[in-house]
């Protein structure tokens, strides 16, 4: 029974650390870019967009599609960086615990 008590204590500690990590993700800001830095998207650690910057030289009413593609690419770049950061933090939190496929914490 001691092992069960220790497991429960570890689970509570992990839950507390997870809550701290989630709070930290809201404050975290990660940027991604495209078009050699002409478009930049900043997301928080939860994947919510915080900022979008577009160089004025890209604003061309005759080529809106290119601008749309650059915004999407910058967003995807930022999102990939956020996901990598979250995975890294989760690995630290779980101590390398191998979670079952499809179990993506904290989301």
PDB file of N, CA and C in Angstrom:
ATOM      1  N   UNK A   1       0.810  -1.207   0.000  1.00  0.00           N
ATOM      2  CA  UNK A   1       0.000   0.000   0.000  1.00  0.00           C
ATOM      3  C   UNK A   1       0.849   1.264   0.000  1.00  0.00           C
ATOM      4  N   UNK A   2       2.090   1.184   0.470  1.00  0.00           N
ATOM      5  CA  UNK A   2       2.952   2.355   0.460  1.00  0.00           C
ATOM      6  C   UNK A   2       3.171   2.850  -0.956  1.00  0.00           C
ATOM      7  N   UNK A   3       3.307   1.923  -1.888  1.00  0.00           N
ATOM      8  CA  UNK A   3       3.521   2.309  -3.287  1.00  0.00           C
ATOM      9  C   UNK A   3       2.328   3.085  -3.830  1.00  0.00           C
ATOM     10  N   UNK A   4       1.122   2.665  -3.466  1.00  0.00           N
ATOM     11  CA  UNK A   4      -0.075   3.368  -3.922  1.00  0.00           C
ATOM     12  C   UNK A   4      -0.107   4.781  -3.350  1.00  0.00           C
ATOM     13  N   UNK A   5       0.241   4.922  -2.092  1.00  0.00           N
ATOM     14  CA  UNK A   5       0.281   6.245  -1.469  1.00  0.00           C
ATOM     15  C   UNK A   5       1.315   7.146  -2.129  1.00  0.00           C
ATOM     16  N   UNK A   6       2.464   6.579  -2.452  1.00  0.00           N
ATOM     17  CA  UNK A   6       3.505   7.344  -3.132  1.00  0.00           C
ATOM     18  C   UNK A   6       3.053   7.748  -4.531  1.00  0.00           C
ATOM     19  N   UNK A   7       2.378   6.827  -5.215  1.00  0.00           N
ATOM     20  CA  UNK A   7       1.879   7.142  -6.565  1.00  0.00           C
ATOM     21  C   UNK A   7       0.870   8.276  -6.514  1.00  0.00           C
ATOM     22  N   UNK A   8      -0.009   8.247  -5.506  1.00  0.00           N
ATOM     23  CA  UNK A   8      -1.014   9.300  -5.381  1.00  0.00           C
ATOM     24  C   UNK A   8      -0.346  10.641  -5.090  1.00  0.00           C
ATOM     25  N   UNK A   9       0.678  10.636  -4.250  1.00  0.00           N
ATOM     26  CA  UNK A   9       1.394  11.858  -3.924  1.00  0.00           C
ATOM     27  C   UNK A   9       2.093  12.403  -5.176  1.00  0.00           C
ATOM     28  N   UNK A  10       2.710  11.515  -5.941  1.00  0.00           N
ATOM     29  CA  UNK A  10       3.383  11.930  -7.177  1.00  0.00           C
ATOM     30  C   UNK A  10       2.370  12.481  -8.180  1.00  0.00           C
ATOM     31  N   UNK A  11       1.205  11.855  -8.256  1.00  0.00           N
ATOM     32  CA  UNK A  11       0.163  12.323  -9.181  1.00  0.00           C
ATOM     33  C   UNK A  11      -0.296  13.727  -8.784  1.00  0.00           C
ATOM     34  N   UNK A  12      -0.437  13.985  -7.486  1.00  0.00           N
ATOM     35  CA  UNK A  12      -0.849  15.307  -7.027  1.00  0.00           C
ATOM     36  C   UNK A  12       0.224  16.348  -7.337  1.00  0.00           C
ATOM     37  N   UNK A  13       1.490  15.968  -7.138  1.00  0.00           N
ATOM     38  CA  UNK A  13       2.581  16.888  -7.455  1.00  0.00           C
ATOM     39  C   UNK A  13       2.608  17.192  -8.951  1.00  0.00           C
ATOM     40  N   UNK A  14       2.406  16.158  -9.757  1.00  0.00           N
ATOM     41  CA  UNK A  14       2.409  16.345 -11.206  1.00  0.00           C
ATOM     42  C   UNK A  14       1.242  17.240 -11.634  1.00  0.00           C
ATOM     43  N   UNK A  15       0.095  17.052 -10.996  1.00  0.00           N
ATOM     44  CA  UNK A  15      -1.076  17.881 -11.309  1.00  0.00           C
ATOM     45  C   UNK A  15      -0.798  19.338 -10.965  1.00  0.00           C
ATOM     46  N   UNK A  16      -0.147  19.578  -9.849  1.00  0.00           N
ATOM     47  CA  UNK A  16       0.196  20.934  -9.446  1.00  0.00           C
ATOM     48  C   UNK A  16       1.173  21.563 -10.442  1.00  0.00           C
ATOM     49  N   UNK A  17       2.178  20.791 -10.836  1.00  0.00           N
ATOM     50  CA  UNK A  17       3.154  21.284 -11.815  1.00  0.00           C
ATOM     51  C   UNK A  17       2.486  21.539 -13.165  1.00  0.00           C
ATOM     52  N   UNK A  18       1.518  20.705 -13.534  1.00  0.00           N
ATOM     53  CA  UNK A  18       0.791  20.878 -14.790  1.00  0.00           C
ATOM     54  C   UNK A  18       0.012  22.195 -14.771  1.00  0.00           C
ATOM     55  N   UNK A  19      -0.614  22.506 -13.644  1.00  0.00           N
ATOM     56  CA  UNK A  19      -1.363  23.763 -13.522  1.00  0.00           C
ATOM     57  C   UNK A  19      -0.424  24.953 -13.658  1.00  0.00           C
ATOM     58  N   UNK A  20       0.757  24.860 -13.034  1.00  0.00           N
ATOM     59  CA  UNK A  20       1.746  25.930 -13.157  1.00  0.00           C
ATOM     60  C   UNK A  20       2.180  26.090 -14.611  1.00  0.00           C
ATOM     61  N   UNK A  21       2.401  24.964 -15.285  1.00  0.00           N
ATOM     62  CA  UNK A  21       2.830  25.018 -16.675  1.00  0.00           C
ATOM     63  C   UNK A  21       1.757  25.668 -17.548  1.00  0.00           C
ATOM     64  N   UNK A  22       0.498  25.323 -17.298  1.00  0.00           N
ATOM     65  CA  UNK A  22      -0.593  25.893 -18.092  1.00  0.00           C
ATOM     66  C   UNK A  22      -0.663  27.408 -17.910  1.00  0.00           C
ATOM     67  N   UNK A  23      -0.460  27.872 -16.689  1.00  0.00           N
ATOM     68  CA  UNK A  23      -0.451  29.318 -16.451  1.00  0.00           C
ATOM     69  C   UNK A  23       0.700  29.971 -17.199  1.00  0.00           C
ATOM     70  N   UNK A  24       1.833  29.308 -17.199  1.00  0.00           N
ATOM     71  CA  UNK A  24       2.996  29.822 -17.911  1.00  0.00           C
ATOM     72  C   UNK A  24       2.771  29.880 -19.411  1.00  0.00           C
ATOM     73  N   UNK A  25       2.007  28.930 -19.943  1.00  0.00           N
ATOM     74  CA  UNK A  25       1.743  28.907 -21.385  1.00  0.00           C
ATOM     75  C   UNK A  25       0.923  30.117 -21.823  1.00  0.00           C
ATOM     76  N   UNK A  26       0.042  30.572 -20.964  1.00  0.00           N
ATOM     77  CA  UNK A  26      -0.767  31.749 -21.312  1.00  0.00           C
ATOM     78  C   UNK A  26       0.105  32.993 -21.448  1.00  0.00           C
ATOM     79  N   UNK A  27       1.155  33.078 -20.642  1.00  0.00           N
ATOM     80  CA  UNK A  27       2.037  34.243 -20.670  1.00  0.00           C
ATOM     81  C   UNK A  27       3.118  34.132 -21.742  1.00  0.00           C
ATOM     82  N   UNK A  28       3.428  32.917 -22.154  1.00  0.00           N
ATOM     83  CA  UNK A  28       4.466  32.675 -23.157  1.00  0.00           C
ATOM     84  C   UNK A  28       4.075  33.264 -24.503  1.00  0.00           C
ATOM     85  N   UNK A  29       5.023  33.853 -25.200  1.00  0.00           N
ATOM     86  CA  UNK A  29       4.770  34.338 -26.558  1.00  0.00           C
ATOM     87  C   UNK A  29       5.874  33.827 -27.466  1.00  0.00           C
ATOM     88  N   UNK A  30       5.465  33.193 -28.567  1.00  0.00           N
ATOM     89  CA  UNK A  30       6.400  32.642 -29.541  1.00  0.00           C
ATOM     90  C   UNK A  30       5.993  33.165 -30.911  1.00  0.00           C
ATOM     91  N   UNK A  31       6.994  33.621 -31.676  1.00  0.00           N
ATOM     92  CA  UNK A  31       6.724  34.178 -33.001  1.00  0.00           C
ATOM     93  C   UNK A  31       7.202  33.250 -34.096  1.00  0.00           C
ATOM     94  N   UNK A  32       6.497  33.301 -35.196  1.00  0.00           N
ATOM     95  CA  UNK A  32       6.877  32.585 -36.407  1.00  0.00           C
ATOM     96  C   UNK A  32       6.844  33.569 -37.551  1.00  0.00           C
ATOM     97  N   UNK A  33       7.589  33.278 -38.592  1.00  0.00           N
ATOM     98  CA  UNK A  33       7.638  34.225 -39.701  1.00  0.00           C
ATOM     99  C   UNK A  33       7.650  33.546 -41.051  1.00  0.00           C
ATOM    100  N   UNK A  34       7.458  34.366 -42.067  1.00  0.00           N
ATOM    101  CA  UNK A  34       7.541  33.904 -43.453  1.00  0.00           C
ATOM    102  C   UNK A  34       7.925  35.088 -44.324  1.00  0.00           C
ATOM    103  N   UNK A  35       8.242  34.792 -45.565  1.00  0.00           N
ATOM    104  CA  UNK A  35       8.603  35.859 -46.501  1.00  0.00           C
ATOM    105  C   UNK A  35       9.840  36.603 -46.046  1.00  0.00           C
ATOM    106  N   UNK A  36      10.840  35.852 -45.559  1.00  0.00           N
ATOM    107  CA  UNK A  36      12.095  36.449 -45.086  1.00  0.00           C
ATOM    108  C   UNK A  36      11.846  37.510 -44.006  1.00  0.00           C
ATOM    109  N   UNK A  37      10.861  37.220 -43.146  1.00  0.00           N
ATOM    110  CA  UNK A  37      10.580  38.120 -42.037  1.00  0.00           C
ATOM    111  C   UNK A  37       9.603  39.236 -42.346  1.00  0.00           C
ATOM    112  N   UNK A  38       9.033  39.229 -43.537  1.00  0.00           N
ATOM    113  CA  UNK A  38       8.085  40.290 -43.898  1.00  0.00           C
ATOM    114  C   UNK A  38       6.717  40.086 -43.243  1.00  0.00           C
ATOM    115  N   UNK A  39       6.433  38.853 -42.827  1.00  0.00           N
ATOM    116  CA  UNK A  39       5.196  38.553 -42.100  1.00  0.00           C
ATOM    117  C   UNK A  39       5.586  37.828 -40.820  1.00  0.00           C
ATOM    118  N   UNK A  40       5.016  38.286 -39.705  1.00  0.00           N
ATOM    119  CA  UNK A  40       5.306  37.689 -38.412  1.00  0.00           C
ATOM    120  C   UNK A  40       4.002  37.475 -37.648  1.00  0.00           C
ATOM    121  N   UNK A  41       3.873  36.290 -37.055  1.00  0.00           N
ATOM    122  CA  UNK A  41       2.713  35.963 -36.231  1.00  0.00           C
ATOM    123  C   UNK A  41       3.229  35.579 -34.849  1.00  0.00           C
ATOM    124  N   UNK A  42       2.610  36.137 -33.817  1.00  0.00           N
ATOM    125  CA  UNK A  42       2.977  35.804 -32.445  1.00  0.00           C
ATOM    126  C   UNK A  42       1.800  35.108 -31.783  1.00  0.00           C
ATOM    127  N   UNK A  43       2.075  33.930 -31.219  1.00  0.00           N
ATOM    128  CA  UNK A  43       1.062  33.141 -30.518  1.00  0.00           C
ATOM    129  C   UNK A  43       1.457  33.002 -29.060  1.00  0.00           C
ATOM    130  N   UNK A  44       0.453  32.799 -28.202  1.00  0.00           N
ATOM    131  CA  UNK A  44       0.789  32.447 -26.828  1.00  0.00           C
ATOM    132  C   UNK A  44       0.991  30.935 -26.787  1.00  0.00           C
ATOM    133  N   UNK A  45       1.332  30.406 -25.629  1.00  0.00           N
ATOM    134  CA  UNK A  45       1.616  28.990 -25.500  1.00  0.00           C
ATOM    135  C   UNK A  45       0.421  28.086 -25.689  1.00  0.00           C
ATOM    136  N   UNK A  46      -0.761  28.662 -25.729  1.00  0.00           N
ATOM    137  CA  UNK A  46      -1.972  27.886 -25.972  1.00  0.00           C
ATOM    138  C   UNK A  46      -2.407  27.951 -27.438  1.00  0.00           C
ATOM    139  N   UNK A  47      -1.598  28.608 -28.270  1.00  0.00           N
ATOM    140  CA  UNK A  47      -1.893  28.674 -29.695  1.00  0.00           C
ATOM    141  C   UNK A  47      -2.820  29.818 -30.091  1.00  0.00           C
ATOM    142  N   UNK A  48      -3.086  30.739 -29.184  1.00  0.00           N
ATOM    143  CA  UNK A  48      -3.951  31.883 -29.483  1.00  0.00           C
ATOM    144  C   UNK A  48      -3.093  33.008 -30.071  1.00  0.00           C
ATOM    145  N   UNK A  49      -3.564  33.602 -31.168  1.00  0.00           N
ATOM    146  CA  UNK A  49      -2.802  34.662 -31.824  1.00  0.00           C
ATOM    147  C   UNK A  49      -2.818  35.917 -30.968  1.00  0.00           C
ATOM    148  N   UNK A  50      -1.621  36.472 -30.758  1.00  0.00           N
ATOM    149  CA  UNK A  50      -1.466  37.693 -29.985  1.00  0.00           C
ATOM    150  C   UNK A  50      -1.100  38.879 -30.869  1.00  0.00           C
ATOM    151  N   UNK A  51      -0.406  38.618 -31.972  1.00  0.00           N
ATOM    152  CA  UNK A  51       0.005  39.720 -32.838  1.00  0.00           C
ATOM    153  C   UNK A  51       0.223  39.221 -34.259  1.00  0.00           C
ATOM    154  N   UNK A  52       0.000  40.122 -35.197  1.00  0.00           N
ATOM    155  CA  UNK A  52       0.258  39.871 -36.615  1.00  0.00           C
ATOM    156  C   UNK A  52       0.908  41.118 -37.172  1.00  0.00           C
ATOM    157  N   UNK A  53       2.075  40.941 -37.777  1.00  0.00           N
ATOM    158  CA  UNK A  53       2.766  42.080 -38.379  1.00  0.00           C
ATOM    159  C   UNK A  53       3.018  41.769 -39.847  1.00  0.00           C
ATOM    160  N   UNK A  54       2.670  42.742 -40.687  1.00  0.00           N
ATOM    161  CA  UNK A  54       2.846  42.604 -42.136  1.00  0.00           C
ATOM    162  C   UNK A  54       3.597  43.824 -42.630  1.00  0.00           C
ATOM    163  N   UNK A  55       4.695  43.581 -43.316  1.00  0.00           N
ATOM    164  CA  UNK A  55       5.459  44.684 -43.897  1.00  0.00           C
ATOM    165  C   UNK A  55       4.583  45.373 -44.948  1.00  0.00           C
ATOM    166  N   UNK A  56       4.482  46.687 -44.920  1.00  0.00           N
ATOM    167  CA  UNK A  56       3.626  47.417 -45.859  1.00  0.00           C
ATOM    168  C   UNK A  56       3.955  47.136 -47.332  1.00  0.00           C
ATOM    169  N   UNK A  57       5.185  46.750 -47.629  1.00  0.00           N
ATOM    170  CA  UNK A  57       5.547  46.479 -49.024  1.00  0.00           C
ATOM    171  C   UNK A  57       4.798  45.280 -49.593  1.00  0.00           C
ATOM    172  N   UNK A  58       4.218  44.452 -48.733  1.00  0.00           N
ATOM    173  CA  UNK A  58       3.480  43.272 -49.195  1.00  0.00           C
ATOM    174  C   UNK A  58       2.025  43.570 -49.533  1.00  0.00           C
ATOM    175  N   UNK A  59       1.541  44.719 -49.121  1.00  0.00           N
ATOM    176  CA  UNK A  59       0.133  45.043 -49.332  1.00  0.00           C
ATOM    177  C   UNK A  59      -0.069  45.481 -50.781  1.00  0.00           C
ATOM    178  N   UNK A  60      -0.619  44.561 -51.552  1.00  0.00           N
ATOM    179  CA  UNK A  60      -0.854  44.789 -52.976  1.00  0.00           C
ATOM    180  C   UNK A  60      -2.239  44.238 -53.302  1.00  0.00           C
ATOM    181  N   UNK A  61      -3.200  45.118 -53.593  1.00  0.00           N
ATOM    182  CA  UNK A  61      -4.561  44.658 -53.874  1.00  0.00           C
ATOM    183  C   UNK A  61      -4.644  43.682 -55.047  1.00  0.00           C
ATOM    184  N   UNK A  62      -3.636  43.690 -55.924  1.00  0.00           N
ATOM    185  CA  UNK A  62      -3.653  42.789 -57.068  1.00  0.00           C
ATOM    186  C   UNK A  62      -3.079  41.415 -56.742  1.00  0.00           C
ATOM    187  N   UNK A  63      -2.522  41.248 -55.546  1.00  0.00           N
ATOM    188  CA  UNK A  63      -1.921  39.965 -55.183  1.00  0.00           C
ATOM    189  C   UNK A  63      -2.226  39.615 -53.734  1.00  0.00           C
ATOM    190  N   UNK A  64      -3.501  39.575 -53.409  1.00  0.00           N
ATOM    191  CA  UNK A  64      -3.940  39.260 -52.056  1.00  0.00           C
ATOM    192  C   UNK A  64      -3.602  37.807 -51.702  1.00  0.00           C
ATOM    193  N   UNK A  65      -3.655  36.933 -52.682  1.00  0.00           N
ATOM    194  CA  UNK A  65      -3.399  35.509 -52.435  1.00  0.00           C
ATOM    195  C   UNK A  65      -2.000  35.275 -51.857  1.00  0.00           C
ATOM    196  N   UNK A  66      -1.007  36.002 -52.350  1.00  0.00           N
ATOM    197  CA  UNK A  66       0.348  35.841 -51.834  1.00  0.00           C
ATOM    198  C   UNK A  66       0.394  36.244 -50.358  1.00  0.00           C
ATOM    199  N   UNK A  67      -0.249  37.338 -50.007  1.00  0.00           N
ATOM    200  CA  UNK A  67      -0.280  37.797 -48.624  1.00  0.00           C
ATOM    201  C   UNK A  67      -0.978  36.772 -47.734  1.00  0.00           C
ATOM    202  N   UNK A  68      -2.086  36.216 -48.200  1.00  0.00           N
ATOM    203  CA  UNK A  68      -2.795  35.188 -47.448  1.00  0.00           C
ATOM    204  C   UNK A  68      -1.895  33.978 -47.200  1.00  0.00           C
ATOM    205  N   UNK A  69      -1.162  33.558 -48.225  1.00  0.00           N
ATOM    206  CA  UNK A  69      -0.250  32.417 -48.094  1.00  0.00           C
ATOM    207  C   UNK A  69       0.859  32.703 -47.083  1.00  0.00           C
ATOM    208  N   UNK A  70       1.394  33.921 -47.103  1.00  0.00           N
ATOM    209  CA  UNK A  70       2.458  34.282 -46.175  1.00  0.00           C
ATOM    210  C   UNK A  70       1.959  34.332 -44.735  1.00  0.00           C
ATOM    211  N   UNK A  71       0.743  34.827 -44.530  1.00  0.00           N
ATOM    212  CA  UNK A  71       0.164  34.858 -43.185  1.00  0.00           C
ATOM    213  C   UNK A  71      -0.051  33.429 -42.683  1.00  0.00           C
ATOM    214  N   UNK A  72      -0.595  32.571 -43.532  1.00  0.00           N
ATOM    215  CA  UNK A  72      -0.807  31.176 -43.147  1.00  0.00           C
ATOM    216  C   UNK A  72       0.520  30.490 -42.828  1.00  0.00           C
ATOM    217  N   UNK A  73       1.538  30.728 -43.629  1.00  0.00           N
ATOM    218  CA  UNK A  73       2.854  30.122 -43.401  1.00  0.00           C
ATOM    219  C   UNK A  73       3.466  30.612 -42.088  1.00  0.00           C
ATOM    220  N   UNK A  74       3.330  31.895 -41.797  1.00  0.00           N
ATOM    221  CA  UNK A  74       3.867  32.446 -40.550  1.00  0.00           C
ATOM    222  C   UNK A  74       3.129  31.860 -39.349  1.00  0.00           C
ATOM    223  N   UNK A  75       1.821  31.728 -39.481  1.00  0.00           N
ATOM    224  CA  UNK A  75       1.033  31.133 -38.394  1.00  0.00           C
ATOM    225  C   UNK A  75       1.466  29.689 -38.151  1.00  0.00           C
ATOM    226  N   UNK A  76       1.603  28.925 -39.234  1.00  0.00           N
ATOM    227  CA  UNK A  76       2.001  27.526 -39.102  1.00  0.00           C
ATOM    228  C   UNK A  76       3.393  27.396 -38.494  1.00  0.00           C
ATOM    229  N   UNK A  77       4.290  28.305 -38.834  1.00  0.00           N
ATOM    230  CA  UNK A  77       5.629  28.305 -38.261  1.00  0.00           C
ATOM    231  C   UNK A  77       5.565  28.542 -36.756  1.00  0.00           C
ATOM    232  N   UNK A  78       4.790  29.546 -36.351  1.00  0.00           N
ATOM    233  CA  UNK A  78       4.648  29.848 -34.929  1.00  0.00           C
ATOM    234  C   UNK A  78       3.982  28.689 -34.190  1.00  0.00           C
ATOM    235  N   UNK A  79       2.969  28.108 -34.783  1.00  0.00           N
ATOM    236  CA  UNK A  79       2.246  26.993 -34.156  1.00  0.00           C
ATOM    237  C   UNK A  79       3.170  25.798 -33.945  1.00  0.00           C
ATOM    238  N   UNK A  80       4.011  25.496 -34.933  1.00  0.00           N
ATOM    239  CA  UNK A  80       4.956  24.386 -34.798  1.00  0.00           C
ATOM    240  C   UNK A  80       5.936  24.653 -33.667  1.00  0.00           C
ATOM    241  N   UNK A  81       6.379  25.898 -33.526  1.00  0.00           N
ATOM    242  CA  UNK A  81       7.296  26.257 -32.436  1.00  0.00           C
ATOM    243  C   UNK A  81       6.613  26.122 -31.077  1.00  0.00           C
ATOM    244  N   UNK A  82       5.345  26.537 -30.991  1.00  0.00           N
ATOM    245  CA  UNK A  82       4.588  26.418 -29.742  1.00  0.00           C
ATOM    246  C   UNK A  82       4.446  24.938 -29.378  1.00  0.00           C
ATOM    247  N   UNK A  83       4.068  24.111 -30.350  1.00  0.00           N
ATOM    248  CA  UNK A  83       3.887  22.684 -30.085  1.00  0.00           C
ATOM    249  C   UNK A  83       5.186  22.029 -29.634  1.00  0.00           C
ATOM    250  N   UNK A  84       6.301  22.408 -30.255  1.00  0.00           N
ATOM    251  CA  UNK A  84       7.598  21.858 -29.849  1.00  0.00           C
ATOM    252  C   UNK A  84       7.931  22.274 -28.420  1.00  0.00           C
ATOM    253  N   UNK A  85       7.639  23.535 -28.094  1.00  0.00           N
ATOM    254  CA  UNK A  85       7.903  24.020 -26.737  1.00  0.00           C
ATOM    255  C   UNK A  85       7.044  23.269 -25.718  1.00  0.00           C
ATOM    256  N   UNK A  86       5.778  23.076 -26.027  1.00  0.00           N
ATOM    257  CA  UNK A  86       4.869  22.384 -25.108  1.00  0.00           C
ATOM    258  C   UNK A  86       5.331  20.937 -24.910  1.00  0.00           C
ATOM    259  N   UNK A  87       5.734  20.269 -25.985  1.00  0.00           N
ATOM    260  CA  UNK A  87       6.222  18.889 -25.864  1.00  0.00           C
ATOM    261  C   UNK A  87       7.474  18.827 -24.988  1.00  0.00           C
ATOM    262  N   UNK A  88       8.349  19.798 -25.168  1.00  0.00           N
ATOM    263  CA  UNK A  88       9.574  19.861 -24.372  1.00  0.00           C
ATOM    264  C   UNK A  88       9.245  20.044 -22.886  1.00  0.00           C
ATOM    265  N   UNK A  89       8.320  20.948 -22.599  1.00  0.00           N
ATOM    266  CA  UNK A  89       7.922  21.192 -21.212  1.00  0.00           C
ATOM    267  C   UNK A  89       7.224  19.974 -20.618  1.00  0.00           C
ATOM    268  N   UNK A  90       6.405  19.301 -21.407  1.00  0.00           N
ATOM    269  CA  UNK A  90       5.718  18.105 -20.922  1.00  0.00           C
ATOM    270  C   UNK A  90       6.716  16.990 -20.624  1.00  0.00           C
ATOM    271  N   UNK A  91       7.751  16.866 -21.453  1.00  0.00           N
ATOM    272  CA  UNK A  91       8.771  15.846 -21.213  1.00  0.00           C
ATOM    273  C   UNK A  91       9.484  16.115 -19.894  1.00  0.00           C
ATOM    274  N   UNK A  92       9.737  17.382 -19.605  1.00  0.00           N
ATOM    275  CA  UNK A  92      10.356  17.739 -18.324  1.00  0.00           C
ATOM    276  C   UNK A  92       9.412  17.391 -17.172  1.00  0.00           C
ATOM    277  N   UNK A  93       8.145  17.709 -17.353  1.00  0.00           N
ATOM    278  CA  UNK A  93       7.153  17.516 -16.306  1.00  0.00           C
ATOM    279  C   UNK A  93       6.921  16.041 -16.007  1.00  0.00           C
ATOM    280  N   UNK A  94       6.837  15.235 -17.032  1.00  0.00           N
ATOM    281  CA  UNK A  94       6.531  13.816 -16.844  1.00  0.00           C
ATOM    282  C   UNK A  94       7.788  12.989 -16.625  1.00  0.00           C
ATOM    283  N   UNK A  95       8.944  13.631 -16.678  1.00  0.00           N
ATOM    284  CA  UNK A  95      10.188  12.913 -16.446  1.00  0.00           C
ATOM    285  C   UNK A  95      10.460  11.863 -17.497  1.00  0.00           C
ATOM    286  N   UNK A  96      10.042  12.134 -18.734  1.00  0.00           N
ATOM    287  CA  UNK A  96      10.271  11.178 -19.812  1.00  0.00           C
ATOM    288  C   UNK A  96       9.267  10.047 -19.840  1.00  0.00           C
ATOM    289  N   UNK A  97       8.206  10.153 -19.042  1.00  0.00           N
ATOM    290  CA  UNK A  97       7.169   9.132 -19.018  1.00  0.00           C
ATOM    291  C   UNK A  97       6.581   9.000 -20.408  1.00  0.00           C
ATOM    292  N   UNK A  98       6.547   7.804 -20.935  1.00  0.00           N
ATOM    293  CA  UNK A  98       5.986   7.586 -22.272  1.00  0.00           C
ATOM    294  C   UNK A  98       4.478   7.496 -22.177  1.00  0.00           C
ATOM    295  N   UNK A  99       3.815   8.491 -22.724  1.00  0.00           N
ATOM    296  CA  UNK A  99       2.358   8.507 -22.717  1.00  0.00           C
ATOM    297  C   UNK A  99       1.839   7.712 -23.912  1.00  0.00           C
ATOM    298  N   UNK A 100       0.664   7.112 -23.781  1.00  0.00           N
ATOM    299  CA  UNK A 100       0.107   6.349 -24.899  1.00  0.00           C
ATOM    300  C   UNK A 100      -0.118   7.233 -26.122  1.00  0.00           C
ATOM    301  N   UNK A 101      -0.020   6.666 -27.327  1.00  0.00           N
ATOM    302  CA  UNK A 101      -0.269   7.448 -28.541  1.00  0.00           C
ATOM    303  C   UNK A 101      -1.642   8.112 -28.485  1.00  0.00           C
ATOM    304  N   UNK A 102      -1.671   9.349 -28.935  1.00  0.00           N
ATOM    305  CA  UNK A 102      -2.929  10.096 -28.953  1.00  0.00           C
ATOM    306  C   UNK A 102      -3.229  10.842 -27.664  1.00  0.00           C
ATOM    307  N   UNK A 103      -2.446  10.586 -26.620  1.00  0.00           N
ATOM    308  CA  UNK A 103      -2.653  11.280 -25.348  1.00  0.00           C
ATOM    309  C   UNK A 103      -1.765  12.505 -25.332  1.00  0.00           C
ATOM    310  N   UNK A 104      -2.278  13.601 -25.851  1.00  0.00           N
ATOM    311  CA  UNK A 104      -1.531  14.841 -25.961  1.00  0.00           C
ATOM    312  C   UNK A 104      -1.888  15.771 -24.824  1.00  0.00           C
ATOM    313  N   UNK A 105      -1.014  15.859 -23.863  1.00  0.00           N
ATOM    314  CA  UNK A 105      -1.241  16.771 -22.752  1.00  0.00           C
ATOM    315  C   UNK A 105      -0.524  18.075 -23.049  1.00  0.00           C
ATOM    316  N   UNK A 106      -0.984  19.195 -22.610  1.00  0.00           N
ATOM    317  CA  UNK A 106      -2.136  19.447 -21.764  1.00  0.00           C
ATOM    318  C   UNK A 106      -3.408  19.707 -22.540  1.00  0.00           C
ATOM    319  N   UNK A 107      -3.422  19.523 -23.838  1.00  0.00           N
ATOM    320  CA  UNK A 107      -4.611  19.872 -24.634  1.00  0.00           C
ATOM    321  C   UNK A 107      -5.496  18.688 -24.842  1.00  0.00           C
TER     322      UNK A 107
END
